[in-house]
Amino acid sequence: MERDDQLKLYGVVADRLKVAHARVRTLQVPEGVRMALTRKLLVITAAAKHDLADAARRLEWFMEDLDEGRYPEDVHTDGSP
């Protein structure tokens, strides 16, 4: 039973990551902000390989930030602070 729950969570996280990437791609923000958001999503994706529950929580927080319009600020297009 636990394995089935784990597989379901993988599916949910994978689907939400796809949605999050699509949303970031369509945002009308400077390229540096888009790059910073994409890096956050890549970190969440990598975390899912080691701690799925933590990655799911982090993705939920990420999506809440997107919903509220909370984006990284003062990000330059070359990635420097």
N, C-alpha and C. Protein backbone atom coordinates (compact mmCIF):
# COMPACT_ATOMS: atom_id res chain seq x y z
N MET A 1 0.81 -1.20 0.00
CA MET A 1 0.00 0.00 0.00
C MET A 1 0.86 1.26 0.00
N GLU A 2 1.91 1.27 0.79
CA GLU A 2 2.77 2.45 0.87
C GLU A 2 3.42 2.74 -0.48
N ARG A 3 3.81 1.70 -1.20
CA ARG A 3 4.43 1.87 -2.51
C ARG A 3 3.45 2.53 -3.48
N ASP A 4 2.18 2.13 -3.42
CA ASP A 4 1.17 2.74 -4.28
C ASP A 4 1.03 4.24 -3.99
N ASP A 5 1.05 4.58 -2.71
CA ASP A 5 0.97 5.99 -2.33
C ASP A 5 2.18 6.76 -2.85
N GLN A 6 3.35 6.15 -2.76
CA GLN A 6 4.59 6.78 -3.25
C GLN A 6 4.50 7.02 -4.76
N LEU A 7 4.01 6.04 -5.49
CA LEU A 7 3.87 6.18 -6.94
C LEU A 7 2.87 7.28 -7.29
N LYS A 8 1.78 7.36 -6.55
CA LYS A 8 0.79 8.41 -6.78
C LYS A 8 1.41 9.79 -6.54
N LEU A 9 2.19 9.90 -5.45
CA LEU A 9 2.83 11.17 -5.14
C LEU A 9 3.82 11.55 -6.24
N TYR A 10 4.59 10.59 -6.75
CA TYR A 10 5.48 10.87 -7.88
C TYR A 10 4.70 11.44 -9.05
N GLY A 11 3.56 10.83 -9.35
CA GLY A 11 2.74 11.31 -10.46
C GLY A 11 2.23 12.71 -10.24
N VAL A 12 1.77 12.99 -9.02
CA VAL A 12 1.27 14.32 -8.69
C VAL A 12 2.38 15.36 -8.80
N VAL A 13 3.55 15.04 -8.24
CA VAL A 13 4.67 15.99 -8.28
C VAL A 13 5.11 16.22 -9.72
N ALA A 14 5.19 15.16 -10.51
CA ALA A 14 5.59 15.30 -11.91
C ALA A 14 4.61 16.19 -12.68
N ASP A 15 3.32 15.96 -12.48
CA ASP A 15 2.32 16.78 -13.16
C ASP A 15 2.40 18.24 -12.72
N ARG A 16 2.60 18.46 -11.43
CA ARG A 16 2.68 19.85 -10.92
C ARG A 16 3.94 20.54 -11.42
N LEU A 17 5.05 19.78 -11.54
CA LEU A 17 6.28 20.37 -12.08
C LEU A 17 6.07 20.81 -13.53
N LYS A 18 5.36 20.02 -14.30
CA LYS A 18 5.07 20.39 -15.69
C LYS A 18 4.26 21.69 -15.73
N VAL A 19 3.26 21.78 -14.87
CA VAL A 19 2.43 22.99 -14.81
C VAL A 19 3.28 24.18 -14.39
N ALA A 20 4.12 23.99 -13.39
CA ALA A 20 4.96 25.09 -12.89
C ALA A 20 5.91 25.58 -13.98
N HIS A 21 6.54 24.65 -14.70
CA HIS A 21 7.44 25.06 -15.79
C HIS A 21 6.69 25.82 -16.87
N ALA A 22 5.50 25.37 -17.20
CA ALA A 22 4.69 26.06 -18.22
C ALA A 22 4.33 27.46 -17.75
N ARG A 23 3.97 27.60 -16.50
CA ARG A 23 3.61 28.92 -15.97
C ARG A 23 4.81 29.86 -15.99
N VAL A 24 5.97 29.36 -15.58
CA VAL A 24 7.17 30.20 -15.57
C VAL A 24 7.50 30.63 -17.00
N ARG A 25 7.37 29.72 -17.94
CA ARG A 25 7.68 30.02 -19.34
C ARG A 25 6.81 31.15 -19.88
N THR A 26 5.57 31.25 -19.42
CA THR A 26 4.65 32.25 -19.97
C THR A 26 4.59 33.55 -19.16
N LEU A 27 5.32 33.62 -18.06
CA LEU A 27 5.30 34.85 -17.25
C LEU A 27 5.89 36.02 -18.02
N GLN A 28 5.31 37.18 -17.82
CA GLN A 28 5.82 38.41 -18.40
C GLN A 28 6.74 39.07 -17.38
N VAL A 29 7.94 38.52 -17.25
CA VAL A 29 8.94 39.02 -16.30
C VAL A 29 10.28 39.12 -17.01
N PRO A 30 11.23 39.89 -16.45
CA PRO A 30 12.56 39.95 -17.05
C PRO A 30 13.19 38.55 -17.13
N GLU A 31 14.04 38.37 -18.11
CA GLU A 31 14.66 37.06 -18.33
C GLU A 31 15.43 36.57 -17.10
N GLY A 32 16.07 37.47 -16.38
CA GLY A 32 16.80 37.08 -15.17
C GLY A 32 15.88 36.48 -14.11
N VAL A 33 14.69 37.03 -13.98
CA VAL A 33 13.71 36.50 -13.03
C VAL A 33 13.26 35.11 -13.49
N ARG A 34 13.00 34.98 -14.78
CA ARG A 34 12.59 33.69 -15.33
C ARG A 34 13.68 32.63 -15.09
N MET A 35 14.92 33.01 -15.28
CA MET A 35 16.04 32.08 -15.05
C MET A 35 16.10 31.66 -13.58
N ALA A 36 15.91 32.61 -12.67
CA ALA A 36 15.94 32.30 -11.24
C ALA A 36 14.80 31.35 -10.87
N LEU A 37 13.62 31.59 -11.40
CA LEU A 37 12.48 30.70 -11.13
C LEU A 37 12.72 29.31 -11.70
N THR A 38 13.30 29.24 -12.89
CA THR A 38 13.60 27.95 -13.50
C THR A 38 14.63 27.19 -12.67
N ARG A 39 15.63 27.90 -12.15
CA ARG A 39 16.63 27.25 -11.29
C ARG A 39 15.97 26.67 -10.04
N LYS A 40 15.02 27.41 -9.46
CA LYS A 40 14.31 26.90 -8.29
C LYS A 40 13.56 25.62 -8.64
N LEU A 41 12.94 25.59 -9.80
CA LEU A 41 12.23 24.38 -10.21
C LEU A 41 13.19 23.21 -10.43
N LEU A 42 14.36 23.49 -10.96
CA LEU A 42 15.34 22.42 -11.15
C LEU A 42 15.83 21.87 -9.82
N VAL A 43 15.97 22.74 -8.83
CA VAL A 43 16.35 22.29 -7.48
C VAL A 43 15.26 21.40 -6.89
N ILE A 44 14.02 21.80 -7.08
CA ILE A 44 12.90 21.00 -6.57
C ILE A 44 12.87 19.64 -7.28
N THR A 45 13.11 19.64 -8.59
CA THR A 45 13.14 18.40 -9.35
C THR A 45 14.23 17.47 -8.83
N ALA A 46 15.40 18.02 -8.59
CA ALA A 46 16.51 17.21 -8.06
C ALA A 46 16.19 16.69 -6.67
N ALA A 47 15.54 17.51 -5.86
CA ALA A 47 15.18 17.09 -4.50
C ALA A 47 14.20 15.93 -4.52
N ALA A 48 13.34 15.88 -5.54
CA ALA A 48 12.35 14.81 -5.63
C ALA A 48 13.00 13.44 -5.74
N LYS A 49 14.21 13.39 -6.24
CA LYS A 49 14.92 12.11 -6.37
C LYS A 49 15.35 11.56 -5.02
N HIS A 50 15.48 12.45 -4.02
CA HIS A 50 16.01 12.04 -2.72
C HIS A 50 14.96 12.10 -1.61
N ASP A 51 14.07 13.06 -1.69
CA ASP A 51 13.05 13.24 -0.65
C ASP A 51 11.78 13.77 -1.30
N LEU A 52 10.96 12.87 -1.74
CA LEU A 52 9.77 13.24 -2.51
C LEU A 52 8.81 14.12 -1.71
N ALA A 53 8.61 13.79 -0.45
CA ALA A 53 7.68 14.57 0.37
C ALA A 53 8.17 16.01 0.52
N ASP A 54 9.47 16.20 0.74
CA ASP A 54 10.03 17.54 0.86
C ASP A 54 9.88 18.29 -0.46
N ALA A 55 10.15 17.61 -1.56
CA ALA A 55 10.02 18.25 -2.87
C ALA A 55 8.58 18.68 -3.11
N ALA A 56 7.62 17.86 -2.71
CA ALA A 56 6.20 18.21 -2.87
C ALA A 56 5.86 19.46 -2.07
N ARG A 57 6.37 19.55 -0.84
CA ARG A 57 6.13 20.75 -0.02
C ARG A 57 6.77 21.97 -0.66
N ARG A 58 8.01 21.83 -1.11
CA ARG A 58 8.70 22.97 -1.72
C ARG A 58 8.00 23.42 -2.99
N LEU A 59 7.49 22.47 -3.76
CA LEU A 59 6.76 22.81 -4.97
C LEU A 59 5.46 23.55 -4.64
N GLU A 60 4.80 23.11 -3.58
CA GLU A 60 3.57 23.79 -3.13
C GLU A 60 3.87 25.25 -2.77
N TRP A 61 4.95 25.45 -2.03
CA TRP A 61 5.35 26.83 -1.65
C TRP A 61 5.69 27.64 -2.89
N PHE A 62 6.40 27.03 -3.83
CA PHE A 62 6.77 27.70 -5.07
C PHE A 62 5.52 28.15 -5.82
N MET A 63 4.53 27.25 -5.93
CA MET A 63 3.30 27.57 -6.64
C MET A 63 2.52 28.68 -5.91
N GLU A 64 2.52 28.64 -4.59
CA GLU A 64 1.87 29.71 -3.83
C GLU A 64 2.54 31.05 -4.11
N ASP A 65 3.87 31.06 -4.17
CA ASP A 65 4.59 32.30 -4.49
C ASP A 65 4.20 32.80 -5.88
N LEU A 66 4.11 31.88 -6.86
CA LEU A 66 3.68 32.29 -8.20
C LEU A 66 2.28 32.87 -8.17
N ASP A 67 1.38 32.19 -7.46
CA ASP A 67 -0.01 32.66 -7.38
C ASP A 67 -0.10 34.05 -6.76
N GLU A 68 0.75 34.32 -5.80
CA GLU A 68 0.74 35.62 -5.10
C GLU A 68 1.59 36.67 -5.81
N GLY A 69 2.28 36.28 -6.89
CA GLY A 69 3.12 37.22 -7.61
C GLY A 69 4.43 37.53 -6.91
N ARG A 70 4.87 36.63 -6.05
CA ARG A 70 6.15 36.81 -5.36
C ARG A 70 7.26 36.18 -6.19
N TYR A 71 8.05 37.03 -6.83
CA TYR A 71 9.15 36.58 -7.68
C TYR A 71 10.46 37.11 -7.12
N PRO A 72 11.57 36.48 -7.51
CA PRO A 72 12.87 37.03 -7.09
C PRO A 72 13.03 38.44 -7.65
N GLU A 73 13.66 39.29 -6.86
CA GLU A 73 13.87 40.67 -7.30
C GLU A 73 15.35 40.93 -7.58
N ASP A 74 15.60 41.99 -8.34
CA ASP A 74 16.97 42.43 -8.62
C ASP A 74 17.84 41.31 -9.18
N VAL A 75 17.27 40.54 -10.07
CA VAL A 75 18.04 39.48 -10.73
C VAL A 75 18.45 40.00 -12.08
N HIS A 76 19.75 39.93 -12.37
CA HIS A 76 20.28 40.40 -13.64
C HIS A 76 20.26 39.27 -14.65
N THR A 77 20.20 39.61 -15.92
CA THR A 77 20.12 38.60 -16.94
C THR A 77 21.37 37.74 -17.03
N ASP A 78 22.51 38.22 -16.54
CA ASP A 78 23.72 37.41 -16.58
C ASP A 78 23.83 36.51 -15.34
N GLY A 79 22.84 36.56 -14.45
CA GLY A 79 22.83 35.71 -13.27
C GLY A 79 23.55 36.29 -12.07
N SER A 80 24.16 37.46 -12.22
CA SER A 80 24.87 38.05 -11.09
C SER A 80 23.88 38.73 -10.14
N PRO A 81 24.22 38.83 -8.85
CA PRO A 81 23.31 39.47 -7.88
C PRO A 81 23.21 40.96 -8.06
